[in-house]
Amino acid sequence: MSRACQITGKKSIGGNNVSHSNIKTKRRFNPNLHTKKFYVPELDEWVVLKVSAHAMRNINKNGVWNCIVEASKKGFLK
């Protein structure tokens, strides 16, 4: 599975480490991902999702089912 959030679509991006002497070397910025189990009352089952910390806040606010539906519409969740 890739390093991408299944709810928000956040994924790794590239950038540079910049030293004191201004030498640049490539690096990656990875999202803060966690594998979590969520209970979905509409389906009456547990679902395992790879989500970012930002997505967990969205799930707490909007509910897991609404977030799953939105992610499916946007194509993040297959």
C-alpha atoms as a PDB file:
ATOM      1  CA  MET A   1       0.000   0.000   0.000  1.00  0.00           C
ATOM      2  CA  SER A   2       1.286   3.441  -0.836  1.00  0.00           C
ATOM      3  CA  ARG A   3       2.078   6.193   1.630  1.00  0.00           C
ATOM      4  CA  ALA A   4      -1.178   8.033   1.037  1.00  0.00           C
ATOM      5  CA  CYS A   5      -4.163   8.770   3.241  1.00  0.00           C
ATOM      6  CA  GLN A   6      -7.301   6.918   2.153  1.00  0.00           C
ATOM      7  CA  ILE A   7      -9.602   9.717   3.349  1.00  0.00           C
ATOM      8  CA  THR A   8      -7.872  12.995   2.457  1.00  0.00           C
ATOM      9  CA  GLY A   9      -5.513  11.787  -0.296  1.00  0.00           C
ATOM     10  CA  LYS A  10      -2.437  13.306   1.366  1.00  0.00           C
ATOM     11  CA  LYS A  11       0.746  11.664   0.062  1.00  0.00           C
ATOM     12  CA  SER A  12       4.521  12.042   0.143  1.00  0.00           C
ATOM     13  CA  ILE A  13       6.037  15.093  -1.498  1.00  0.00           C
ATOM     14  CA  GLY A  14       9.629  15.901  -2.376  1.00  0.00           C
ATOM     15  CA  GLY A  15      11.829  18.697  -1.199  1.00  0.00           C
ATOM     16  CA  ASN A  16      15.349  19.591  -0.181  1.00  0.00           C
ATOM     17  CA  ASN A  17      17.469  19.387   2.942  1.00  0.00           C
ATOM     18  CA  VAL A  18      19.325  22.684   3.039  1.00  0.00           C
ATOM     19  CA  SER A  19      22.562  22.780   5.017  1.00  0.00           C
ATOM     20  CA  HIS A  20      24.119  25.789   6.698  1.00  0.00           C
ATOM     21  CA  SER A  21      26.391  26.174   3.648  1.00  0.00           C
ATOM     22  CA  ASN A  22      23.238  26.127   1.441  1.00  0.00           C
ATOM     23  CA  ILE A  23      23.997  22.718  -0.130  1.00  0.00           C
ATOM     24  CA  LYS A  24      20.751  21.054  -1.169  1.00  0.00           C
ATOM     25  CA  THR A  25      20.071  17.302  -1.074  1.00  0.00           C
ATOM     26  CA  LYS A  26      16.789  15.605  -1.921  1.00  0.00           C
ATOM     27  CA  ARG A  27      14.433  14.400   0.820  1.00  0.00           C
ATOM     28  CA  ARG A  28      10.809  13.289   1.232  1.00  0.00           C
ATOM     29  CA  PHE A  29       8.069  14.749   3.387  1.00  0.00           C
ATOM     30  CA  ASN A  30       5.801  11.869   4.445  1.00  0.00           C
ATOM     31  CA  PRO A  31       2.292  12.392   5.845  1.00  0.00           C
ATOM     32  CA  ASN A  32       1.550  11.426   9.453  1.00  0.00           C
ATOM     33  CA  LEU A  33      -0.198   8.119   8.647  1.00  0.00           C
ATOM     34  CA  HIS A  34      -1.726   5.599  11.048  1.00  0.00           C
ATOM     35  CA  THR A  35      -3.480   2.299  10.398  1.00  0.00           C
ATOM     36  CA  LYS A  36      -6.724   2.440  12.403  1.00  0.00           C
ATOM     37  CA  LYS A  37      -9.864   0.358  12.808  1.00  0.00           C
ATOM     38  CA  PHE A  38     -13.134   2.267  12.721  1.00  0.00           C
ATOM     39  CA  TYR A  39     -16.594   0.922  13.520  1.00  0.00           C
ATOM     40  CA  VAL A  40     -19.150   1.848  10.860  1.00  0.00           C
ATOM     41  CA  PRO A  41     -22.677   1.582  12.326  1.00  0.00           C
ATOM     42  CA  GLU A  42     -24.307   1.913   8.876  1.00  0.00           C
ATOM     43  CA  LEU A  43     -22.544  -1.287   7.753  1.00  0.00           C
ATOM     44  CA  ASP A  44     -22.459  -2.853  11.254  1.00  0.00           C
ATOM     45  CA  GLU A  45     -18.793  -3.815  10.786  1.00  0.00           C
ATOM     46  CA  TRP A  46     -15.232  -2.683  11.468  1.00  0.00           C
ATOM     47  CA  VAL A  47     -13.187  -1.072   8.678  1.00  0.00           C
ATOM     48  CA  VAL A  48      -9.386  -0.757   8.622  1.00  0.00           C
ATOM     49  CA  LEU A  49      -8.155   2.488   7.064  1.00  0.00           C
ATOM     50  CA  LYS A  50      -4.736   4.081   6.595  1.00  0.00           C
ATOM     51  CA  VAL A  51      -5.438   7.666   7.652  1.00  0.00           C
ATOM     52  CA  SER A  52      -3.502  10.831   8.448  1.00  0.00           C
ATOM     53  CA  ALA A  53      -3.878  12.734  11.713  1.00  0.00           C
ATOM     54  CA  HIS A  54      -5.862  15.378   9.814  1.00  0.00           C
ATOM     55  CA  ALA A  55      -8.258  12.703   8.529  1.00  0.00           C
ATOM     56  CA  MET A  56      -8.826  11.417  12.080  1.00  0.00           C
ATOM     57  CA  ARG A  57      -9.955  14.902  13.054  1.00  0.00           C
ATOM     58  CA  ASN A  58     -12.341  14.947  10.062  1.00  0.00           C
ATOM     59  CA  ILE A  59     -13.718  11.544  11.054  1.00  0.00           C
ATOM     60  CA  ASN A  60     -14.312  12.729  14.630  1.00  0.00           C
ATOM     61  CA  LYS A  61     -16.124  15.801  13.333  1.00  0.00           C
ATOM     62  CA  ASN A  62     -18.161  14.400  10.419  1.00  0.00           C
ATOM     63  CA  GLY A  63     -18.424  10.681  11.173  1.00  0.00           C
ATOM     64  CA  VAL A  64     -16.627   7.783   9.548  1.00  0.00           C
ATOM     65  CA  TRP A  65     -19.402   6.923   7.075  1.00  0.00           C
ATOM     66  CA  ASN A  66     -19.619  10.474   5.672  1.00  0.00           C
ATOM     67  CA  CYS A  67     -15.830  10.591   5.279  1.00  0.00           C
ATOM     68  CA  ILE A  68     -15.784   7.232   3.486  1.00  0.00           C
ATOM     69  CA  VAL A  69     -18.510   8.386   1.078  1.00  0.00           C
ATOM     70  CA  GLU A  70     -16.665  11.647   0.316  1.00  0.00           C
ATOM     71  CA  ALA A  71     -13.351   9.813  -0.201  1.00  0.00           C
ATOM     72  CA  SER A  72     -15.052   7.394  -2.602  1.00  0.00           C
ATOM     73  CA  LYS A  73     -16.492  10.279  -4.637  1.00  0.00           C
ATOM     74  CA  LYS A  74     -13.068  11.941  -4.860  1.00  0.00           C
ATOM     75  CA  GLY A  75     -11.399   8.632  -5.815  1.00  0.00           C
ATOM     76  CA  PHE A  76      -9.106   8.321  -2.777  1.00  0.00           C
ATOM     77  CA  LEU A  77     -10.808   5.149  -1.535  1.00  0.00           C
ATOM     78  CA  LYS A  78     -11.315   2.315  -3.958  1.00  0.00           C
END
